[in-house]
Amino acid sequence: MKKIILTVAVVLGGLSSFAASAFPMNVTPKIEVVTQQEYKEIDAETLPQAVKDALATDYPTATLDKAYVNEKQEYKLDITVDGATSSVYADKDGTWIVK
């Protein structure tokens, strides 16, 4: 009977020390906030000429479906090239942005 009680005490003591070390209570979780830049739809005619020229030069067979702009004057262009749709990003000077 003493062996059973001693065995149970050792097992419970081992489990409680494992639980205490596996889940420390003094760790504060890190929270990252990722904000999505808000784009507003605009007419294709209001695109800067530099963006239009870059699109015509680099994507000559592309069809512009929709255009968007954000507060940083970055443009999101939804285009169709050979039946495949894609989104490309450019700044106001017509330089492509990788996102």
PDB file of N, CA and C in Angstrom:
ATOM      1  N   MET A   1       0.824  -1.180   0.000  1.00  0.00           N
ATOM      2  CA  MET A   1       0.000   0.000   0.000  1.00  0.00           C
ATOM      3  C   MET A   1       0.878   1.257   0.000  1.00  0.00           C
ATOM      4  N   LYS A   2       1.987   1.199   0.754  1.00  0.00           N
ATOM      5  CA  LYS A   2       2.894   2.348   0.795  1.00  0.00           C
ATOM      6  C   LYS A   2       3.487   2.590  -0.584  1.00  0.00           C
ATOM      7  N   LYS A   3       3.778   1.516  -1.320  1.00  0.00           N
ATOM      8  CA  LYS A   3       4.373   1.668  -2.649  1.00  0.00           C
ATOM      9  C   LYS A   3       3.400   2.341  -3.623  1.00  0.00           C
ATOM     10  N   ILE A   4       2.132   2.014  -3.518  1.00  0.00           N
ATOM     11  CA  ILE A   4       1.124   2.615  -4.409  1.00  0.00           C
ATOM     12  C   ILE A   4       0.978   4.099  -4.108  1.00  0.00           C
ATOM     13  N   ILE A   5       0.898   4.465  -2.859  1.00  0.00           N
ATOM     14  CA  ILE A   5       0.765   5.873  -2.470  1.00  0.00           C
ATOM     15  C   ILE A   5       2.007   6.645  -2.876  1.00  0.00           C
ATOM     16  N   LEU A   6       3.162   6.066  -2.676  1.00  0.00           N
ATOM     17  CA  LEU A   6       4.418   6.716  -3.051  1.00  0.00           C
ATOM     18  C   LEU A   6       4.501   6.875  -4.572  1.00  0.00           C
ATOM     19  N   THR A   7       4.083   5.873  -5.326  1.00  0.00           N
ATOM     20  CA  THR A   7       4.103   5.942  -6.784  1.00  0.00           C
ATOM     21  C   THR A   7       3.156   7.022  -7.294  1.00  0.00           C
ATOM     22  N   VAL A   8       1.966   7.091  -6.740  1.00  0.00           N
ATOM     23  CA  VAL A   8       1.001   8.118  -7.137  1.00  0.00           C
ATOM     24  C   VAL A   8       1.537   9.500  -6.813  1.00  0.00           C
ATOM     25  N   ALA A   9       2.146   9.682  -5.666  1.00  0.00           N
ATOM     26  CA  ALA A   9       2.704  10.979  -5.269  1.00  0.00           C
ATOM     27  C   ALA A   9       3.822  11.396  -6.219  1.00  0.00           C
ATOM     28  N   VAL A  10       4.673  10.454  -6.598  1.00  0.00           N
ATOM     29  CA  VAL A  10       5.786  10.765  -7.508  1.00  0.00           C
ATOM     30  C   VAL A  10       5.246  11.139  -8.890  1.00  0.00           C
ATOM     31  N   VAL A  11       4.278  10.381  -9.378  1.00  0.00           N
ATOM     32  CA  VAL A  11       3.706  10.662 -10.700  1.00  0.00           C
ATOM     33  C   VAL A  11       3.009  12.021 -10.703  1.00  0.00           C
ATOM     34  N   LEU A  12       2.184  12.309  -9.712  1.00  0.00           N
ATOM     35  CA  LEU A  12       1.494  13.596  -9.654  1.00  0.00           C
ATOM     36  C   LEU A  12       2.475  14.752  -9.485  1.00  0.00           C
ATOM     37  N   GLY A  13       3.479  14.531  -8.689  1.00  0.00           N
ATOM     38  CA  GLY A  13       4.496  15.579  -8.509  1.00  0.00           C
ATOM     39  C   GLY A  13       5.245  15.845  -9.807  1.00  0.00           C
ATOM     40  N   GLY A  14       5.544  14.798 -10.544  1.00  0.00           N
ATOM     41  CA  GLY A  14       6.224  14.960 -11.830  1.00  0.00           C
ATOM     42  C   GLY A  14       5.361  15.664 -12.855  1.00  0.00           C
ATOM     43  N   LEU A  15       4.082  15.332 -12.898  1.00  0.00           N
ATOM     44  CA  LEU A  15       3.178  15.972 -13.848  1.00  0.00           C
ATOM     45  C   LEU A  15       2.962  17.446 -13.529  1.00  0.00           C
ATOM     46  N   SER A  16       2.851  17.769 -12.260  1.00  0.00           N
ATOM     47  CA  SER A  16       2.621  19.166 -11.902  1.00  0.00           C
ATOM     48  C   SER A  16       3.849  20.016 -12.187  1.00  0.00           C
ATOM     49  N   SER A  17       5.050  19.477 -12.005  1.00  0.00           N
ATOM     50  CA  SER A  17       6.246  20.255 -12.321  1.00  0.00           C
ATOM     51  C   SER A  17       6.414  20.410 -13.824  1.00  0.00           C
ATOM     52  N   PHE A  18       6.006  19.391 -14.601  1.00  0.00           N
ATOM     53  CA  PHE A  18       6.040  19.504 -16.051  1.00  0.00           C
ATOM     54  C   PHE A  18       5.060  20.562 -16.532  1.00  0.00           C
ATOM     55  N   ALA A  19       3.879  20.571 -15.992  1.00  0.00           N
ATOM     56  CA  ALA A  19       2.863  21.540 -16.392  1.00  0.00           C
ATOM     57  C   ALA A  19       3.305  22.950 -16.052  1.00  0.00           C
ATOM     58  N   ALA A  20       3.947  23.131 -14.951  1.00  0.00           N
ATOM     59  CA  ALA A  20       4.399  24.459 -14.549  1.00  0.00           C
ATOM     60  C   ALA A  20       5.504  24.958 -15.466  1.00  0.00           C
ATOM     61  N   SER A  21       6.395  24.077 -15.902  1.00  0.00           N
ATOM     62  CA  SER A  21       7.490  24.524 -16.753  1.00  0.00           C
ATOM     63  C   SER A  21       7.066  24.643 -18.217  1.00  0.00           C
ATOM     64  N   ALA A  22       6.077  23.887 -18.644  1.00  0.00           N
ATOM     65  CA  ALA A  22       5.650  23.924 -20.032  1.00  0.00           C
ATOM     66  C   ALA A  22       4.798  25.157 -20.338  1.00  0.00           C
ATOM     67  N   PHE A  23       4.096  25.669 -19.377  1.00  0.00           N
ATOM     68  CA  PHE A  23       3.213  26.800 -19.582  1.00  0.00           C
ATOM     69  C   PHE A  23       3.532  27.899 -18.576  1.00  0.00           C
ATOM     70  N   PRO A  24       4.599  28.656 -18.787  1.00  0.00           N
ATOM     71  CA  PRO A  24       4.937  29.706 -17.839  1.00  0.00           C
ATOM     72  C   PRO A  24       3.865  30.794 -17.820  1.00  0.00           C
ATOM     73  N   MET A  25       3.577  31.292 -16.654  1.00  0.00           N
ATOM     74  CA  MET A  25       2.509  32.269 -16.492  1.00  0.00           C
ATOM     75  C   MET A  25       3.003  33.707 -16.626  1.00  0.00           C
ATOM     76  N   ASN A  26       4.312  33.921 -16.666  1.00  0.00           N
ATOM     77  CA  ASN A  26       4.823  35.284 -16.707  1.00  0.00           C
ATOM     78  C   ASN A  26       5.157  35.744 -18.117  1.00  0.00           C
ATOM     79  N   VAL A  27       4.727  35.030 -19.155  1.00  0.00           N
ATOM     80  CA  VAL A  27       5.003  35.398 -20.529  1.00  0.00           C
ATOM     81  C   VAL A  27       3.812  36.164 -21.081  1.00  0.00           C
ATOM     82  N   THR A  28       4.072  37.337 -21.639  1.00  0.00           N
ATOM     83  CA  THR A  28       3.034  38.147 -22.237  1.00  0.00           C
ATOM     84  C   THR A  28       3.009  37.861 -23.734  1.00  0.00           C
ATOM     85  N   PRO A  29       1.872  37.516 -24.290  1.00  0.00           N
ATOM     86  CA  PRO A  29       1.830  37.218 -25.727  1.00  0.00           C
ATOM     87  C   PRO A  29       2.057  38.482 -26.554  1.00  0.00           C
ATOM     88  N   LYS A  30       2.728  38.307 -27.701  1.00  0.00           N
ATOM     89  CA  LYS A  30       2.953  39.428 -28.606  1.00  0.00           C
ATOM     90  C   LYS A  30       1.783  39.514 -29.569  1.00  0.00           C
ATOM     91  N   ILE A  31       1.323  40.717 -29.769  1.00  0.00           N
ATOM     92  CA  ILE A  31       0.211  40.945 -30.682  1.00  0.00           C
ATOM     93  C   ILE A  31       0.692  41.902 -31.758  1.00  0.00           C
ATOM     94  N   GLU A  32       0.576  41.474 -33.015  1.00  0.00           N
ATOM     95  CA  GLU A  32       0.937  42.336 -34.121  1.00  0.00           C
ATOM     96  C   GLU A  32      -0.329  42.795 -34.824  1.00  0.00           C
ATOM     97  N   VAL A  33      -0.375  44.063 -35.115  1.00  0.00           N
ATOM     98  CA  VAL A  33      -1.517  44.615 -35.822  1.00  0.00           C
ATOM     99  C   VAL A  33      -1.063  44.942 -37.234  1.00  0.00           C
ATOM    100  N   VAL A  34      -1.710  44.325 -38.206  1.00  0.00           N
ATOM    101  CA  VAL A  34      -1.393  44.568 -39.602  1.00  0.00           C
ATOM    102  C   VAL A  34      -2.590  45.278 -40.211  1.00  0.00           C
ATOM    103  N   THR A  35      -2.335  46.448 -40.741  1.00  0.00           N
ATOM    104  CA  THR A  35      -3.425  47.197 -41.350  1.00  0.00           C
ATOM    105  C   THR A  35      -3.328  47.090 -42.860  1.00  0.00           C
ATOM    106  N   GLN A  36      -4.440  46.959 -43.472  1.00  0.00           N
ATOM    107  CA  GLN A  36      -4.486  46.900 -44.916  1.00  0.00           C
ATOM    108  C   GLN A  36      -4.689  48.311 -45.436  1.00  0.00           C
ATOM    109  N   GLN A  37      -3.863  48.667 -46.409  1.00  0.00           N
ATOM    110  CA  GLN A  37      -3.999  50.002 -46.956  1.00  0.00           C
ATOM    111  C   GLN A  37      -5.313  50.099 -47.715  1.00  0.00           C
ATOM    112  N   GLU A  38      -5.988  51.173 -47.494  1.00  0.00           N
ATOM    113  CA  GLU A  38      -7.304  51.373 -48.082  1.00  0.00           C
ATOM    114  C   GLU A  38      -7.156  52.007 -49.462  1.00  0.00           C
ATOM    115  N   TYR A  39      -7.615  51.310 -50.463  1.00  0.00           N
ATOM    116  CA  TYR A  39      -7.608  51.824 -51.831  1.00  0.00           C
ATOM    117  C   TYR A  39      -9.026  52.242 -52.207  1.00  0.00           C
ATOM    118  N   LYS A  40      -9.127  53.363 -52.913  1.00  0.00           N
ATOM    119  CA  LYS A  40     -10.417  53.849 -53.398  1.00  0.00           C
ATOM    120  C   LYS A  40     -10.427  53.760 -54.917  1.00  0.00           C
ATOM    121  N   GLU A  41     -11.539  53.298 -55.444  1.00  0.00           N
ATOM    122  CA  GLU A  41     -11.640  53.153 -56.893  1.00  0.00           C
ATOM    123  C   GLU A  41     -11.714  54.521 -57.556  1.00  0.00           C
ATOM    124  N   ILE A  42     -11.002  54.652 -58.669  1.00  0.00           N
ATOM    125  CA  ILE A  42     -10.999  55.899 -59.438  1.00  0.00           C
ATOM    126  C   ILE A  42     -11.238  55.564 -60.909  1.00  0.00           C
ATOM    127  N   ASP A  43     -11.539  56.580 -61.696  1.00  0.00           N
ATOM    128  CA  ASP A  43     -11.687  56.402 -63.141  1.00  0.00           C
ATOM    129  C   ASP A  43     -10.309  56.263 -63.777  1.00  0.00           C
ATOM    130  N   ALA A  44     -10.235  55.498 -64.822  1.00  0.00           N
ATOM    131  CA  ALA A  44      -8.955  55.289 -65.512  1.00  0.00           C
ATOM    132  C   ALA A  44      -8.420  56.597 -66.098  1.00  0.00           C
ATOM    133  N   GLU A  45      -9.305  57.498 -66.421  1.00  0.00           N
ATOM    134  CA  GLU A  45      -8.880  58.780 -66.999  1.00  0.00           C
ATOM    135  C   GLU A  45      -8.112  59.635 -65.992  1.00  0.00           C
ATOM    136  N   THR A  46      -8.329  59.418 -64.705  1.00  0.00           N
ATOM    137  CA  THR A  46      -7.670  60.235 -63.689  1.00  0.00           C
ATOM    138  C   THR A  46      -6.295  59.698 -63.292  1.00  0.00           C
ATOM    139  N   LEU A  47      -5.861  58.589 -63.907  1.00  0.00           N
ATOM    140  CA  LEU A  47      -4.519  58.080 -63.625  1.00  0.00           C
ATOM    141  C   LEU A  47      -3.475  59.070 -64.120  1.00  0.00           C
ATOM    142  N   PRO A  48      -2.363  59.210 -63.398  1.00  0.00           N
ATOM    143  CA  PRO A  48      -1.286  60.069 -63.898  1.00  0.00           C
ATOM    144  C   PRO A  48      -0.744  59.525 -65.227  1.00  0.00           C
ATOM    145  N   GLN A  49      -0.284  60.415 -66.078  1.00  0.00           N
ATOM    146  CA  GLN A  49       0.221  60.011 -67.382  1.00  0.00           C
ATOM    147  C   GLN A  49       1.411  59.059 -67.250  1.00  0.00           C
ATOM    148  N   ALA A  50       2.226  59.218 -66.209  1.00  0.00           N
ATOM    149  CA  ALA A  50       3.382  58.337 -66.001  1.00  0.00           C
ATOM    150  C   ALA A  50       2.937  56.893 -65.759  1.00  0.00           C
ATOM    151  N   VAL A  51       1.847  56.709 -65.036  1.00  0.00           N
ATOM    152  CA  VAL A  51       1.319  55.368 -64.764  1.00  0.00           C
ATOM    153  C   VAL A  51       0.746  54.771 -66.045  1.00  0.00           C
ATOM    154  N   LYS A  52       0.034  55.580 -66.821  1.00  0.00           N
ATOM    155  CA  LYS A  52      -0.511  55.102 -68.093  1.00  0.00           C
ATOM    156  C   LYS A  52       0.610  54.683 -69.040  1.00  0.00           C
ATOM    157  N   ASP A  53       1.677  55.494 -69.095  1.00  0.00           N
ATOM    158  CA  ASP A  53       2.806  55.186 -69.971  1.00  0.00           C
ATOM    159  C   ASP A  53       3.508  53.904 -69.532  1.00  0.00           C
ATOM    160  N   ALA A  54       3.698  53.724 -68.221  1.00  0.00           N
ATOM    161  CA  ALA A  54       4.359  52.515 -67.711  1.00  0.00           C
ATOM    162  C   ALA A  54       3.524  51.277 -68.040  1.00  0.00           C
ATOM    163  N   LEU A  55       2.208  51.392 -67.928  1.00  0.00           N
ATOM    164  CA  LEU A  55       1.325  50.268 -68.244  1.00  0.00           C
ATOM    165  C   LEU A  55       1.406  49.929 -69.733  1.00  0.00           C
ATOM    166  N   ALA A  56       1.389  50.952 -70.585  1.00  0.00           N
ATOM    167  CA  ALA A  56       1.461  50.722 -72.027  1.00  0.00           C
ATOM    168  C   ALA A  56       2.816  50.151 -72.442  1.00  0.00           C
ATOM    169  N   THR A  57       3.885  50.565 -71.775  1.00  0.00           N
ATOM    170  CA  THR A  57       5.224  50.096 -72.112  1.00  0.00           C
ATOM    171  C   THR A  57       5.469  48.672 -71.633  1.00  0.00           C
ATOM    172  N   ASP A  58       5.155  48.396 -70.370  1.00  0.00           N
ATOM    173  CA  ASP A  58       5.487  47.103 -69.779  1.00  0.00           C
ATOM    174  C   ASP A  58       4.429  46.033 -70.000  1.00  0.00           C
ATOM    175  N   TYR A  59       3.194  46.432 -70.238  1.00  0.00           N
ATOM    176  CA  TYR A  59       2.095  45.493 -70.475  1.00  0.00           C
ATOM    177  C   TYR A  59       1.316  45.950 -71.711  1.00  0.00           C
ATOM    178  N   PRO A  60       1.924  45.833 -72.906  1.00  0.00           N
ATOM    179  CA  PRO A  60       1.271  46.392 -74.101  1.00  0.00           C
ATOM    180  C   PRO A  60      -0.036  45.698 -74.481  1.00  0.00           C
ATOM    181  N   THR A  61      -0.217  44.439 -74.100  1.00  0.00           N
ATOM    182  CA  THR A  61      -1.450  43.719 -74.451  1.00  0.00           C
ATOM    183  C   THR A  61      -2.469  43.726 -73.318  1.00  0.00           C
ATOM    184  N   ALA A  62      -2.190  44.454 -72.255  1.00  0.00           N
ATOM    185  CA  ALA A  62      -3.068  44.453 -71.076  1.00  0.00           C
ATOM    186  C   ALA A  62      -4.287  45.333 -71.297  1.00  0.00           C
ATOM    187  N   THR A  63      -5.372  44.905 -70.666  1.00  0.00           N
ATOM    188  CA  THR A  63      -6.600  45.697 -70.623  1.00  0.00           C
ATOM    189  C   THR A  63      -6.803  46.140 -69.181  1.00  0.00           C
ATOM    190  N   LEU A  64      -6.946  47.434 -68.968  1.00  0.00           N
ATOM    191  CA  LEU A  64      -7.158  47.962 -67.623  1.00  0.00           C
ATOM    192  C   LEU A  64      -8.623  47.780 -67.244  1.00  0.00           C
ATOM    193  N   ASP A  65      -8.864  46.995 -66.200  1.00  0.00           N
ATOM    194  CA  ASP A  65     -10.232  46.731 -65.748  1.00  0.00           C
ATOM    195  C   ASP A  65     -10.692  47.765 -64.724  1.00  0.00           C
ATOM    196  N   LYS A  66      -9.860  47.972 -63.687  1.00  0.00           N
ATOM    197  CA  LYS A  66     -10.192  48.935 -62.633  1.00  0.00           C
ATOM    198  C   LYS A  66      -8.905  49.573 -62.130  1.00  0.00           C
ATOM    199  N   ALA A  67      -9.038  50.771 -61.583  1.00  0.00           N
ATOM    200  CA  ALA A  67      -7.900  51.485 -61.010  1.00  0.00           C
ATOM    201  C   ALA A  67      -8.290  51.985 -59.624  1.00  0.00           C
ATOM    202  N   TYR A  68      -7.325  51.932 -58.714  1.00  0.00           N
ATOM    203  CA  TYR A  68      -7.539  52.353 -57.333  1.00  0.00           C
ATOM    204  C   TYR A  68      -6.352  53.218 -56.894  1.00  0.00           C
ATOM    205  N   VAL A  69      -6.564  54.047 -55.890  1.00  0.00           N
ATOM    206  CA  VAL A  69      -5.491  54.869 -55.322  1.00  0.00           C
ATOM    207  C   VAL A  69      -5.633  54.880 -53.802  1.00  0.00           C
ATOM    208  N   ASN A  70      -4.490  54.997 -53.099  1.00  0.00           N
ATOM    209  CA  ASN A  70      -4.530  55.121 -51.637  1.00  0.00           C
ATOM    210  C   ASN A  70      -3.990  56.486 -51.233  1.00  0.00           C
ATOM    211  N   GLU A  71      -3.847  56.714 -49.918  1.00  0.00           N
ATOM    212  CA  GLU A  71      -3.410  58.023 -49.415  1.00  0.00           C
ATOM    213  C   GLU A  71      -1.979  58.361 -49.799  1.00  0.00           C
ATOM    214  N   LYS A  72      -1.163  57.342 -50.057  1.00  0.00           N
ATOM    215  CA  LYS A  72       0.250  57.565 -50.406  1.00  0.00           C
ATOM    216  C   LYS A  72       0.444  57.807 -51.898  1.00  0.00           C
ATOM    217  N   GLN A  73      -0.638  57.987 -52.638  1.00  0.00           N
ATOM    218  CA  GLN A  73      -0.584  58.161 -54.085  1.00  0.00           C
ATOM    219  C   GLN A  73       0.016  56.927 -54.765  1.00  0.00           C
ATOM    220  N   GLU A  74      -0.315  55.740 -54.232  1.00  0.00           N
ATOM    221  CA  GLU A  74       0.064  54.483 -54.860  1.00  0.00           C
ATOM    222  C   GLU A  74      -1.173  53.952 -55.576  1.00  0.00           C
ATOM    223  N   TYR A  75      -0.945  53.417 -56.747  1.00  0.00           N
ATOM    224  CA  TYR A  75      -2.054  52.991 -57.583  1.00  0.00           C
ATOM    225  C   TYR A  75      -2.084  51.468 -57.704  1.00  0.00           C
ATOM    226  N   LYS A  76      -3.260  50.912 -57.575  1.00  0.00           N
ATOM    227  CA  LYS A  76      -3.488  49.487 -57.779  1.00  0.00           C
ATOM    228  C   LYS A  76      -4.281  49.367 -59.077  1.00  0.00           C
ATOM    229  N   LEU A  77      -3.739  48.590 -60.003  1.00  0.00           N
ATOM    230  CA  LEU A  77      -4.375  48.435 -61.298  1.00  0.00           C
ATOM    231  C   LEU A  77      -4.776  46.984 -61.490  1.00  0.00           C
ATOM    232  N   ASP A  78      -6.054  46.753 -61.694  1.00  0.00           N
ATOM    233  CA  ASP A  78      -6.543  45.417 -62.024  1.00  0.00           C
ATOM    234  C   ASP A  78      -6.524  45.316 -63.548  1.00  0.00           C
ATOM    235  N   ILE A  79      -5.696  44.392 -64.059  1.00  0.00           N
ATOM    236  CA  ILE A  79      -5.524  44.274 -65.501  1.00  0.00           C
ATOM    237  C   ILE A  79      -5.816  42.844 -65.955  1.00  0.00           C
ATOM    238  N   THR A  80      -6.088  42.708 -67.239  1.00  0.00           N
ATOM    239  CA  THR A  80      -6.254  41.398 -67.863  1.00  0.00           C
ATOM    240  C   THR A  80      -5.237  41.301 -68.979  1.00  0.00           C
ATOM    241  N   VAL A  81      -4.398  40.249 -68.913  1.00  0.00           N
ATOM    242  CA  VAL A  81      -3.378  40.012 -69.930  1.00  0.00           C
ATOM    243  C   VAL A  81      -3.585  38.599 -70.457  1.00  0.00           C
ATOM    244  N   ASP A  82      -3.888  38.494 -71.723  1.00  0.00           N
ATOM    245  CA  ASP A  82      -4.101  37.195 -72.379  1.00  0.00           C
ATOM    246  C   ASP A  82      -5.111  36.330 -71.619  1.00  0.00           C
ATOM    247  N   GLY A  83      -6.170  36.920 -71.137  1.00  0.00           N
ATOM    248  CA  GLY A  83      -7.232  36.188 -70.451  1.00  0.00           C
ATOM    249  C   GLY A  83      -7.001  35.967 -68.968  1.00  0.00           C
ATOM    250  N   ALA A  84      -5.816  36.289 -68.455  1.00  0.00           N
ATOM    251  CA  ALA A  84      -5.516  36.117 -67.026  1.00  0.00           C
ATOM    252  C   ALA A  84      -5.592  37.474 -66.332  1.00  0.00           C
ATOM    253  N   THR A  85      -6.310  37.519 -65.217  1.00  0.00           N
ATOM    254  CA  THR A  85      -6.423  38.770 -64.469  1.00  0.00           C
ATOM    255  C   THR A  85      -5.327  38.849 -63.423  1.00  0.00           C
ATOM    256  N   SER A  86      -4.892  40.059 -63.152  1.00  0.00           N
ATOM    257  CA  SER A  86      -3.824  40.281 -62.183  1.00  0.00           C
ATOM    258  C   SER A  86      -3.944  41.694 -61.643  1.00  0.00           C
ATOM    259  N   SER A  87      -3.274  41.934 -60.526  1.00  0.00           N
ATOM    260  CA  SER A  87      -3.202  43.274 -59.959  1.00  0.00           C
ATOM    261  C   SER A  87      -1.745  43.701 -59.909  1.00  0.00           C
ATOM    262  N   VAL A  88      -1.479  44.902 -60.374  1.00  0.00           N
ATOM    263  CA  VAL A  88      -0.132  45.473 -60.315  1.00  0.00           C
ATOM    264  C   VAL A  88      -0.216  46.799 -59.574  1.00  0.00           C
ATOM    265  N   TYR A  89       0.901  47.195 -58.990  1.00  0.00           N
ATOM    266  CA  TYR A  89       0.932  48.407 -58.170  1.00  0.00           C
ATOM    267  C   TYR A  89       2.009  49.346 -58.701  1.00  0.00           C
ATOM    268  N   ALA A  90       1.706  50.636 -58.713  1.00  0.00           N
ATOM    269  CA  ALA A  90       2.661  51.632 -59.178  1.00  0.00           C
ATOM    270  C   ALA A  90       2.531  52.886 -58.329  1.00  0.00           C
ATOM    271  N   ASP A  91       3.627  53.650 -58.267  1.00  0.00           N
ATOM    272  CA  ASP A  91       3.537  54.942 -57.587  1.00  0.00           C
ATOM    273  C   ASP A  91       3.145  56.004 -58.609  1.00  0.00           C
ATOM    274  N   LYS A  92       3.057  57.247 -58.182  1.00  0.00           N
ATOM    275  CA  LYS A  92       2.564  58.305 -59.066  1.00  0.00           C
ATOM    276  C   LYS A  92       3.524  58.611 -60.207  1.00  0.00           C
ATOM    277  N   ASP A  93       4.800  58.161 -60.081  1.00  0.00           N
ATOM    278  CA  ASP A  93       5.794  58.391 -61.126  1.00  0.00           C
ATOM    279  C   ASP A  93       5.860  57.243 -62.134  1.00  0.00           C
ATOM    280  N   GLY A  94       5.009  56.223 -61.957  1.00  0.00           N
ATOM    281  CA  GLY A  94       4.993  55.106 -62.883  1.00  0.00           C
ATOM    282  C   GLY A  94       5.993  54.015 -62.551  1.00  0.00           C
ATOM    283  N   THR A  95       6.576  54.049 -61.360  1.00  0.00           N
ATOM    284  CA  THR A  95       7.506  53.022 -60.926  1.00  0.00           C
ATOM    285  C   THR A  95       6.711  51.888 -60.311  1.00  0.00           C
ATOM    286  N   TRP A  96       6.994  50.659 -60.731  1.00  0.00           N
ATOM    287  CA  TRP A  96       6.254  49.502 -60.237  1.00  0.00           C
ATOM    288  C   TRP A  96       6.642  49.192 -58.804  1.00  0.00           C
ATOM    289  N   ILE A  97       5.663  48.811 -58.005  1.00  0.00           N
ATOM    290  CA  ILE A  97       5.836  48.472 -56.596  1.00  0.00           C
ATOM    291  C   ILE A  97       5.534  46.991 -56.427  1.00  0.00           C
ATOM    292  N   VAL A  98       6.408  46.289 -55.724  1.00  0.00           N
ATOM    293  CA  VAL A  98       6.185  44.863 -55.449  1.00  0.00           C
ATOM    294  C   VAL A  98       5.454  44.722 -54.138  1.00  0.00           C
ATOM    295  N   LYS A  99       4.289  44.075 -54.168  1.00  0.00           N
ATOM    296  CA  LYS A  99       3.511  43.865 -52.943  1.00  0.00           C
ATOM    297  C   LYS A  99       3.180  42.411 -52.813  1.00  0.00           C
TER     298      LYS A  99
END
